[in-house]
Amino acid sequence: MNVLLLKEPRDGDSGPDPYIKELATLGHKATLIPVLSFKFVSLNTLSDKIFQPEKHGGLIFTSPRAVEAVRTCVEERKREWDDSVKEKWNSKSVYVVGKATAALVQNLGLNPLGEDSGTADVLSKVIIEREDRNIPPLFFPCGSIKREVLPTALKDNGVPLETLTVYQTAEHPDLEKNLKNYFTEQGVPASVAFFSPSGVKFCLDVVRRLSGEQLHGIKFGAIGPTTEEAMRAEGLAVSAVALKPTAEHLSSAISTALQ
């Protein structure tokens, strides 16, 4: 059956997207349509902070894009990073959500904690349990569209935090055109999977319009509880939710819903 994935492709990865690959093993034809476009901002400020680890108690990454912004800064001062800065950060905690983010953090030479947390909400509980309230602020580079769950939880529990917006998120310029082409060429998919609340915001109206009366026959899937919540808030019946934000878990949930 046809499955439409509304997500971002993995940067710098020439192989097939893991979600497409996993769904294929389960007998489904998946197509990926990019939903978002990104622009890095505040890189000079970010560089200043990343190269002064002594001013912070640790790092928090909840998205691959934030790690990529840091990587951009590191590449400009690679020798300094490798000689001393990297190890100073590794003497502190480097918290992450998800395996994709953790892998990018490891590529920087850092040791991630919390990759199995799955959501910022769960990660915030890990941080609250681990961290002393008297540390310098944890540094949280993030996107322009972020939920306030983690900052609010840390603040309410006395864990100091400093945030910096390092990328802006917008709708992909070709999103509506790509969706129209997909529906024209392949028809209404058996399943549509969303990977972020932003994806729901930017795609749902177009998907509704193109699906027409067949909308109610689509099995909608979510990468996790935050996305599921955004979908239900828009009145969607969610048929599949990944237990963890991985290709295996989401593909399995979608495949079960399509049986």
C-alpha atoms as a PDB file:
ATOM      1  CA  MET A   1       0.000   0.000   0.000  1.00  0.00           C
ATOM      2  CA  ASN A   2       1.076   3.601  -0.595  1.00  0.00           C
ATOM      3  CA  VAL A   3       2.337   5.547   2.412  1.00  0.00           C
ATOM      4  CA  LEU A   4       3.068   9.293   2.333  1.00  0.00           C
ATOM      5  CA  LEU A   5       5.816  10.466   4.695  1.00  0.00           C
ATOM      6  CA  LEU A   6       5.735  14.185   5.513  1.00  0.00           C
ATOM      7  CA  LYS A   7       9.248  14.602   6.876  1.00  0.00           C
ATOM      8  CA  GLU A   8      12.735  15.840   6.152  1.00  0.00           C
ATOM      9  CA  PRO A   9      15.302  13.697   4.324  1.00  0.00           C
ATOM     10  CA  ARG A  10      18.462  12.895   6.257  1.00  0.00           C
ATOM     11  CA  ASP A  11      21.223  15.337   5.395  1.00  0.00           C
ATOM     12  CA  GLY A  12      24.393  13.949   3.898  1.00  0.00           C
ATOM     13  CA  ASP A  13      23.011  10.437   3.626  1.00  0.00           C
ATOM     14  CA  SER A  14      23.156   8.989   0.119  1.00  0.00           C
ATOM     15  CA  GLY A  15      21.340   5.789   1.047  1.00  0.00           C
ATOM     16  CA  PRO A  16      17.578   5.294   1.078  1.00  0.00           C
ATOM     17  CA  ASP A  17      15.633   6.993   3.844  1.00  0.00           C
ATOM     18  CA  PRO A  18      15.304   4.480   6.716  1.00  0.00           C
ATOM     19  CA  TYR A  19      11.528   4.931   6.885  1.00  0.00           C
ATOM     20  CA  ILE A  20      11.129   4.202   3.166  1.00  0.00           C
ATOM     21  CA  LYS A  21      13.429   1.206   3.504  1.00  0.00           C
ATOM     22  CA  GLU A  22      11.664  -0.206   6.569  1.00  0.00           C
ATOM     23  CA  LEU A  23       8.178   0.213   5.077  1.00  0.00           C
ATOM     24  CA  ALA A  24       9.359  -1.530   1.906  1.00  0.00           C
ATOM     25  CA  THR A  25      10.398  -4.578   3.938  1.00  0.00           C
ATOM     26  CA  LEU A  26       6.822  -4.676   5.245  1.00  0.00           C
ATOM     27  CA  GLY A  27       5.376  -4.541   1.719  1.00  0.00           C
ATOM     28  CA  HIS A  28       4.489  -0.847   1.479  1.00  0.00           C
ATOM     29  CA  LYS A  29       5.573   1.783  -1.057  1.00  0.00           C
ATOM     30  CA  ALA A  30       6.540   4.957   0.776  1.00  0.00           C
ATOM     31  CA  THR A  31       7.153   8.406  -0.674  1.00  0.00           C
ATOM     32  CA  LEU A  32       8.859  11.227   1.225  1.00  0.00           C
ATOM     33  CA  ILE A  33       7.849  14.862   0.715  1.00  0.00           C
ATOM     34  CA  PRO A  34       9.936  17.491   2.575  1.00  0.00           C
ATOM     35  CA  VAL A  35       7.764  19.759   4.702  1.00  0.00           C
ATOM     36  CA  LEU A  36      10.125  22.331   6.173  1.00  0.00           C
ATOM     37  CA  SER A  37      12.941  24.626   5.161  1.00  0.00           C
ATOM     38  CA  PHE A  38      15.582  25.844   7.599  1.00  0.00           C
ATOM     39  CA  LYS A  39      17.865  28.850   7.895  1.00  0.00           C
ATOM     40  CA  PHE A  40      20.650  29.156  10.449  1.00  0.00           C
ATOM     41  CA  VAL A  41      20.706  32.368  12.511  1.00  0.00           C
ATOM     42  CA  SER A  42      22.814  33.854  15.324  1.00  0.00           C
ATOM     43  CA  LEU A  43      25.850  31.748  14.391  1.00  0.00           C
ATOM     44  CA  ASN A  44      28.355  34.286  15.745  1.00  0.00           C
ATOM     45  CA  THR A  45      26.629  34.272  19.128  1.00  0.00           C
ATOM     46  CA  LEU A  46      26.375  30.487  19.008  1.00  0.00           C
ATOM     47  CA  SER A  47      30.083  30.163  18.268  1.00  0.00           C
ATOM     48  CA  ASP A  48      30.967  32.406  21.223  1.00  0.00           C
ATOM     49  CA  LYS A  49      28.924  30.246  23.568  1.00  0.00           C
ATOM     50  CA  ILE A  50      30.004  26.859  22.213  1.00  0.00           C
ATOM     51  CA  PHE A  51      33.669  27.838  22.588  1.00  0.00           C
ATOM     52  CA  GLN A  52      33.194  28.948  26.205  1.00  0.00           C
ATOM     53  CA  PRO A  53      32.021  25.715  27.875  1.00  0.00           C
ATOM     54  CA  GLU A  54      33.191  26.957  31.273  1.00  0.00           C
ATOM     55  CA  LYS A  55      30.211  29.348  31.313  1.00  0.00           C
ATOM     56  CA  HIS A  56      27.647  26.545  31.061  1.00  0.00           C
ATOM     57  CA  GLY A  57      26.729  23.447  33.043  1.00  0.00           C
ATOM     58  CA  GLY A  58      26.037  21.301  29.987  1.00  0.00           C
ATOM     59  CA  LEU A  59      24.311  21.121  26.609  1.00  0.00           C
ATOM     60  CA  ILE A  60      20.817  20.189  25.459  1.00  0.00           C
ATOM     61  CA  PHE A  61      19.891  19.210  21.879  1.00  0.00           C
ATOM     62  CA  THR A  62      16.325  18.289  20.953  1.00  0.00           C
ATOM     63  CA  SER A  63      16.709  18.459  17.157  1.00  0.00           C
ATOM     64  CA  PRO A  64      19.284  17.462  14.527  1.00  0.00           C
ATOM     65  CA  ARG A  65      19.211  21.011  13.075  1.00  0.00           C
ATOM     66  CA  ALA A  66      20.532  22.509  16.292  1.00  0.00           C
ATOM     67  CA  VAL A  67      23.465  20.082  16.217  1.00  0.00           C
ATOM     68  CA  GLU A  68      24.116  21.006  12.576  1.00  0.00           C
ATOM     69  CA  ALA A  69      24.235  24.686  13.546  1.00  0.00           C
ATOM     70  CA  VAL A  70      26.867  23.861  16.163  1.00  0.00           C
ATOM     71  CA  ARG A  71      28.777  21.757  13.625  1.00  0.00           C
ATOM     72  CA  THR A  72      28.903  24.781  11.306  1.00  0.00           C
ATOM     73  CA  CYS A  73      30.593  26.765  14.080  1.00  0.00           C
ATOM     74  CA  VAL A  74      32.945  23.931  14.999  1.00  0.00           C
ATOM     75  CA  GLU A  75      34.167  23.543  11.407  1.00  0.00           C
ATOM     76  CA  GLU A  76      35.381  27.147  11.479  1.00  0.00           C
ATOM     77  CA  ARG A  77      37.530  26.463  14.570  1.00  0.00           C
ATOM     78  CA  LYS A  78      38.180  22.736  14.262  1.00  0.00           C
ATOM     79  CA  ARG A  79      41.672  22.643  15.794  1.00  0.00           C
ATOM     80  CA  GLU A  80      40.567  24.578  18.870  1.00  0.00           C
ATOM     81  CA  TRP A  81      37.547  22.279  19.225  1.00  0.00           C
ATOM     82  CA  ASP A  82      39.627  19.111  18.992  1.00  0.00           C
ATOM     83  CA  ASP A  83      42.466  20.401  21.173  1.00  0.00           C
ATOM     84  CA  SER A  84      40.455  21.424  24.236  1.00  0.00           C
ATOM     85  CA  VAL A  85      36.847  22.553  23.865  1.00  0.00           C
ATOM     86  CA  LYS A  86      35.372  19.164  23.024  1.00  0.00           C
ATOM     87  CA  GLU A  87      36.764  17.522  26.147  1.00  0.00           C
ATOM     88  CA  LYS A  88      35.557  20.378  28.342  1.00  0.00           C
ATOM     89  CA  TRP A  89      32.006  19.722  27.114  1.00  0.00           C
ATOM     90  CA  ASN A  90      32.483  15.993  27.637  1.00  0.00           C
ATOM     91  CA  SER A  91      33.262  16.670  31.299  1.00  0.00           C
ATOM     92  CA  LYS A  92      29.682  17.948  31.518  1.00  0.00           C
ATOM     93  CA  SER A  93      26.351  16.410  30.488  1.00  0.00           C
ATOM     94  CA  VAL A  94      25.266  16.594  26.830  1.00  0.00           C
ATOM     95  CA  TYR A  95      21.549  15.754  26.685  1.00  0.00           C
ATOM     96  CA  VAL A  96      19.729  14.722  23.503  1.00  0.00           C
ATOM     97  CA  VAL A  97      16.326  13.549  22.277  1.00  0.00           C
ATOM     98  CA  GLY A  98      16.318  10.715  19.748  1.00  0.00           C
ATOM     99  CA  LYS A  99      18.858   8.544  17.986  1.00  0.00           C
ATOM    100  CA  ALA A 100      19.275  10.814  14.944  1.00  0.00           C
ATOM    101  CA  THR A 101      20.257  13.742  17.172  1.00  0.00           C
ATOM    102  CA  ALA A 102      22.504  11.497  19.263  1.00  0.00           C
ATOM    103  CA  ALA A 103      24.346  10.252  16.158  1.00  0.00           C
ATOM    104  CA  LEU A 104      25.106  13.820  15.046  1.00  0.00           C
ATOM    105  CA  VAL A 105      26.294  14.723  18.553  1.00  0.00           C
ATOM    106  CA  GLN A 106      28.638  11.721  18.497  1.00  0.00           C
ATOM    107  CA  ASN A 107      30.008  12.915  15.159  1.00  0.00           C
ATOM    108  CA  LEU A 108      31.106  16.076  16.971  1.00  0.00           C
ATOM    109  CA  GLY A 109      33.076  13.903  19.387  1.00  0.00           C
ATOM    110  CA  LEU A 110      30.602  14.433  22.232  1.00  0.00           C
ATOM    111  CA  ASN A 111      28.997  11.798  24.453  1.00  0.00           C
ATOM    112  CA  PRO A 112      25.198  12.070  24.372  1.00  0.00           C
ATOM    113  CA  LEU A 113      22.886  11.233  27.256  1.00  0.00           C
ATOM    114  CA  GLY A 114      19.164  10.501  27.088  1.00  0.00           C
ATOM    115  CA  GLU A 115      18.806   9.456  23.460  1.00  0.00           C
ATOM    116  CA  ASP A 116      16.104   6.939  24.378  1.00  0.00           C
ATOM    117  CA  SER A 117      13.985   9.600  26.069  1.00  0.00           C
ATOM    118  CA  GLY A 118      11.978  10.090  22.853  1.00  0.00           C
ATOM    119  CA  THR A 119      10.442  13.448  23.784  1.00  0.00           C
ATOM    120  CA  ALA A 120      11.541  16.725  25.362  1.00  0.00           C
ATOM    121  CA  ASP A 121       9.042  16.084  28.162  1.00  0.00           C
ATOM    122  CA  VAL A 122      10.717  12.808  29.138  1.00  0.00           C
ATOM    123  CA  LEU A 123      14.204  14.295  28.708  1.00  0.00           C
ATOM    124  CA  SER A 124      13.342  17.170  31.054  1.00  0.00           C
ATOM    125  CA  LYS A 125      12.590  14.606  33.788  1.00  0.00           C
ATOM    126  CA  VAL A 126      15.983  12.968  33.202  1.00  0.00           C
ATOM    127  CA  ILE A 127      17.722  16.347  33.495  1.00  0.00           C
ATOM    128  CA  ILE A 128      15.812  17.309  36.646  1.00  0.00           C
ATOM    129  CA  GLU A 129      16.806  14.023  38.304  1.00  0.00           C
ATOM    130  CA  ARG A 130      20.483  14.350  37.369  1.00  0.00           C
ATOM    131  CA  GLU A 131      21.390  18.017  37.677  1.00  0.00           C
ATOM    132  CA  ASP A 132      22.384  20.112  40.664  1.00  0.00           C
ATOM    133  CA  ARG A 133      20.486  23.396  40.994  1.00  0.00           C
ATOM    134  CA  ASN A 134      23.708  25.341  41.639  1.00  0.00           C
ATOM    135  CA  ILE A 135      25.368  24.645  38.271  1.00  0.00           C
ATOM    136  CA  PRO A 136      25.908  27.324  35.611  1.00  0.00           C
ATOM    137  CA  PRO A 137      23.013  27.366  33.135  1.00  0.00           C
ATOM    138  CA  LEU A 138      22.573  24.490  30.719  1.00  0.00           C
ATOM    139  CA  PHE A 139      22.856  25.748  27.136  1.00  0.00           C
ATOM    140  CA  PHE A 140      19.957  24.902  24.816  1.00  0.00           C
ATOM    141  CA  PRO A 141      20.395  25.879  21.125  1.00  0.00           C
ATOM    142  CA  CYS A 142      17.000  25.456  19.468  1.00  0.00           C
ATOM    143  CA  GLY A 143      14.720  26.382  16.587  1.00  0.00           C
ATOM    144  CA  SER A 144      12.287  29.256  16.173  1.00  0.00           C
ATOM    145  CA  ILE A 145       9.367  26.841  16.523  1.00  0.00           C
ATOM    146  CA  LYS A 146       9.883  24.989  19.769  1.00  0.00           C
ATOM    147  CA  ARG A 147       7.530  23.757  22.442  1.00  0.00           C
ATOM    148  CA  GLU A 148       8.032  25.267  25.884  1.00  0.00           C
ATOM    149  CA  VAL A 149       7.695  21.952  27.719  1.00  0.00           C
ATOM    150  CA  LEU A 150      11.391  21.501  28.484  1.00  0.00           C
ATOM    151  CA  PRO A 151      12.259  25.132  29.376  1.00  0.00           C
ATOM    152  CA  THR A 152       9.162  25.389  31.573  1.00  0.00           C
ATOM    153  CA  ALA A 153       9.846  22.109  33.374  1.00  0.00           C
ATOM    154  CA  LEU A 154      13.473  23.037  34.097  1.00  0.00           C
ATOM    155  CA  LYS A 155      12.523  26.527  35.271  1.00  0.00           C
ATOM    156  CA  ASP A 156       9.774  25.190  37.534  1.00  0.00           C
ATOM    157  CA  ASN A 157      12.292  22.817  39.112  1.00  0.00           C
ATOM    158  CA  GLY A 158      15.060  25.359  39.589  1.00  0.00           C
ATOM    159  CA  VAL A 159      17.426  24.031  36.905  1.00  0.00           C
ATOM    160  CA  PRO A 160      19.157  27.036  35.276  1.00  0.00           C
ATOM    161  CA  LEU A 161      18.812  27.228  31.486  1.00  0.00           C
ATOM    162  CA  GLU A 162      19.937  29.524  28.680  1.00  0.00           C
ATOM    163  CA  THR A 163      18.280  29.207  25.257  1.00  0.00           C
ATOM    164  CA  LEU A 164      19.397  30.565  21.897  1.00  0.00           C
ATOM    165  CA  THR A 165      17.457  30.362  18.640  1.00  0.00           C
ATOM    166  CA  VAL A 166      19.953  29.050  16.065  1.00  0.00           C
ATOM    167  CA  TYR A 167      17.645  28.196  13.150  1.00  0.00           C
ATOM    168  CA  GLN A 168      14.379  29.468  11.754  1.00  0.00           C
ATOM    169  CA  THR A 169      11.755  27.052  10.475  1.00  0.00           C
ATOM    170  CA  ALA A 170       9.404  27.787   7.578  1.00  0.00           C
ATOM    171  CA  GLU A 171       7.223  25.886   5.148  1.00  0.00           C
ATOM    172  CA  HIS A 172       9.154  24.259   2.305  1.00  0.00           C
ATOM    173  CA  PRO A 173       8.630  26.479  -0.774  1.00  0.00           C
ATOM    174  CA  ASP A 174       7.603  23.529  -2.989  1.00  0.00           C
ATOM    175  CA  LEU A 175       5.404  21.768  -0.443  1.00  0.00           C
ATOM    176  CA  GLU A 176       1.983  22.394  -1.995  1.00  0.00           C
ATOM    177  CA  LYS A 177       3.257  21.717  -5.530  1.00  0.00           C
ATOM    178  CA  ASN A 178       4.879  18.457  -4.438  1.00  0.00           C
ATOM    179  CA  LEU A 179       1.735  17.325  -2.634  1.00  0.00           C
ATOM    180  CA  LYS A 180      -0.445  18.090  -5.679  1.00  0.00           C
ATOM    181  CA  ASN A 181       1.958  16.143  -7.929  1.00  0.00           C
ATOM    182  CA  TYR A 182       1.903  13.179  -5.558  1.00  0.00           C
ATOM    183  CA  PHE A 183      -1.903  12.991  -5.393  1.00  0.00           C
ATOM    184  CA  THR A 184      -2.176  13.423  -9.182  1.00  0.00           C
ATOM    185  CA  GLU A 185       0.318  10.667  -9.925  1.00  0.00           C
ATOM    186  CA  GLN A 186      -0.366   8.164  -7.120  1.00  0.00           C
ATOM    187  CA  GLY A 187      -3.826   9.021  -5.863  1.00  0.00           C
ATOM    188  CA  VAL A 188      -4.921   9.187  -2.232  1.00  0.00           C
ATOM    189  CA  PRO A 189      -2.455   7.215  -0.072  1.00  0.00           C
ATOM    190  CA  ALA A 190      -3.524   4.451   2.277  1.00  0.00           C
ATOM    191  CA  SER A 191      -1.577   6.118   5.083  1.00  0.00           C
ATOM    192  CA  VAL A 192      -0.092   9.553   5.810  1.00  0.00           C
ATOM    193  CA  ALA A 193       2.577   9.963   8.492  1.00  0.00           C
ATOM    194  CA  PHE A 194       3.414  13.237  10.235  1.00  0.00           C
ATOM    195  CA  PHE A 195       6.753  13.836  11.953  1.00  0.00           C
ATOM    196  CA  SER A 196       6.223  17.142  13.775  1.00  0.00           C
ATOM    197  CA  PRO A 197       3.511  19.574  14.877  1.00  0.00           C
ATOM    198  CA  SER A 198       4.950  21.963  12.258  1.00  0.00           C
ATOM    199  CA  GLY A 199       4.279  19.345   9.592  1.00  0.00           C
ATOM    200  CA  VAL A 200       0.660  19.142  10.719  1.00  0.00           C
ATOM    201  CA  LYS A 201       0.384  22.920  10.613  1.00  0.00           C
ATOM    202  CA  PHE A 202       1.822  23.293   7.119  1.00  0.00           C
ATOM    203  CA  CYS A 203       0.386  20.183   5.408  1.00  0.00           C
ATOM    204  CA  LEU A 204      -2.974  19.243   6.812  1.00  0.00           C
ATOM    205  CA  ASP A 205      -5.172  21.731   4.948  1.00  0.00           C
ATOM    206  CA  VAL A 206      -3.643  20.720   1.610  1.00  0.00           C
ATOM    207  CA  VAL A 207      -3.959  17.000   2.381  1.00  0.00           C
ATOM    208  CA  ARG A 208      -7.613  17.509   3.344  1.00  0.00           C
ATOM    209  CA  ARG A 209      -8.351  19.417   0.144  1.00  0.00           C
ATOM    210  CA  LEU A 210      -6.618  16.902  -2.129  1.00  0.00           C
ATOM    211  CA  SER A 211      -8.138  13.866  -0.396  1.00  0.00           C
ATOM    212  CA  GLY A 212     -11.714  15.126  -0.486  1.00  0.00           C
ATOM    213  CA  GLU A 213     -14.240  12.519   0.619  1.00  0.00           C
ATOM    214  CA  GLN A 214     -11.519   9.852   0.826  1.00  0.00           C
ATOM    215  CA  LEU A 215      -9.871  11.597   3.791  1.00  0.00           C
ATOM    216  CA  HIS A 216     -11.652   9.402   6.324  1.00  0.00           C
ATOM    217  CA  GLY A 217     -10.220   6.277   4.686  1.00  0.00           C
ATOM    218  CA  ILE A 218      -6.628   7.354   5.311  1.00  0.00           C
ATOM    219  CA  LYS A 219      -4.779   5.795   8.254  1.00  0.00           C
ATOM    220  CA  PHE A 220      -2.893   8.668   9.852  1.00  0.00           C
ATOM    221  CA  GLY A 221       0.362   7.978  11.686  1.00  0.00           C
ATOM    222  CA  ALA A 222       2.457  10.038  14.136  1.00  0.00           C
ATOM    223  CA  ILE A 223       6.135   9.781  15.015  1.00  0.00           C
ATOM    224  CA  GLY A 224       5.342  10.358  18.695  1.00  0.00           C
ATOM    225  CA  PRO A 225       2.914  11.721  21.290  1.00  0.00           C
ATOM    226  CA  THR A 226       3.640  15.411  20.644  1.00  0.00           C
ATOM    227  CA  THR A 227       2.786  15.081  16.956  1.00  0.00           C
ATOM    228  CA  GLU A 228      -0.203  12.882  17.805  1.00  0.00           C
ATOM    229  CA  GLU A 229      -1.499  15.614  20.115  1.00  0.00           C
ATOM    230  CA  ALA A 230      -1.216  18.212  17.330  1.00  0.00           C
ATOM    231  CA  MET A 231      -3.077  15.910  14.929  1.00  0.00           C
ATOM    232  CA  ARG A 232      -5.906  15.194  17.357  1.00  0.00           C
ATOM    233  CA  ALA A 233      -6.214  18.926  18.080  1.00  0.00           C
ATOM    234  CA  GLU A 234      -7.018  19.328  14.369  1.00  0.00           C
ATOM    235  CA  GLY A 235      -9.722  16.672  14.560  1.00  0.00           C
ATOM    236  CA  LEU A 236      -7.769  13.825  12.943  1.00  0.00           C
ATOM    237  CA  ALA A 237      -8.297  10.214  13.950  1.00  0.00           C
ATOM    238  CA  VAL A 238      -4.779   8.885  14.585  1.00  0.00           C
ATOM    239  CA  SER A 239      -4.435   5.189  13.758  1.00  0.00           C
ATOM    240  CA  ALA A 240      -0.717   4.647  14.390  1.00  0.00           C
ATOM    241  CA  VAL A 241       1.741   6.144  16.888  1.00  0.00           C
ATOM    242  CA  ALA A 242       5.369   5.051  17.125  1.00  0.00           C
ATOM    243  CA  LEU A 243       6.305   3.763  20.589  1.00  0.00           C
ATOM    244  CA  LYS A 244       9.763   5.247  19.935  1.00  0.00           C
ATOM    245  CA  PRO A 245      10.753   7.769  17.225  1.00  0.00           C
ATOM    246  CA  THR A 246      12.447   5.221  14.958  1.00  0.00           C
ATOM    247  CA  ALA A 247      11.796   3.857  11.474  1.00  0.00           C
ATOM    248  CA  GLU A 248      11.156   0.395  12.887  1.00  0.00           C
ATOM    249  CA  HIS A 249       8.584   1.504  15.446  1.00  0.00           C
ATOM    250  CA  LEU A 250       6.638   3.836  13.157  1.00  0.00           C
ATOM    251  CA  SER A 251       6.667   1.420  10.222  1.00  0.00           C
ATOM    252  CA  SER A 252       5.409  -1.379  12.436  1.00  0.00           C
ATOM    253  CA  ALA A 253       2.580   0.795  13.795  1.00  0.00           C
ATOM    254  CA  ILE A 254       1.538   1.896  10.294  1.00  0.00           C
ATOM    255  CA  SER A 255       1.697  -1.640   8.936  1.00  0.00           C
ATOM    256  CA  THR A 256      -0.499  -2.896  11.778  1.00  0.00           C
ATOM    257  CA  ALA A 257      -3.031  -0.094  11.169  1.00  0.00           C
ATOM    258  CA  LEU A 258      -3.204  -1.006   7.468  1.00  0.00           C
ATOM    259  CA  GLN A 259      -3.986  -4.683   8.080  1.00  0.00           C
END
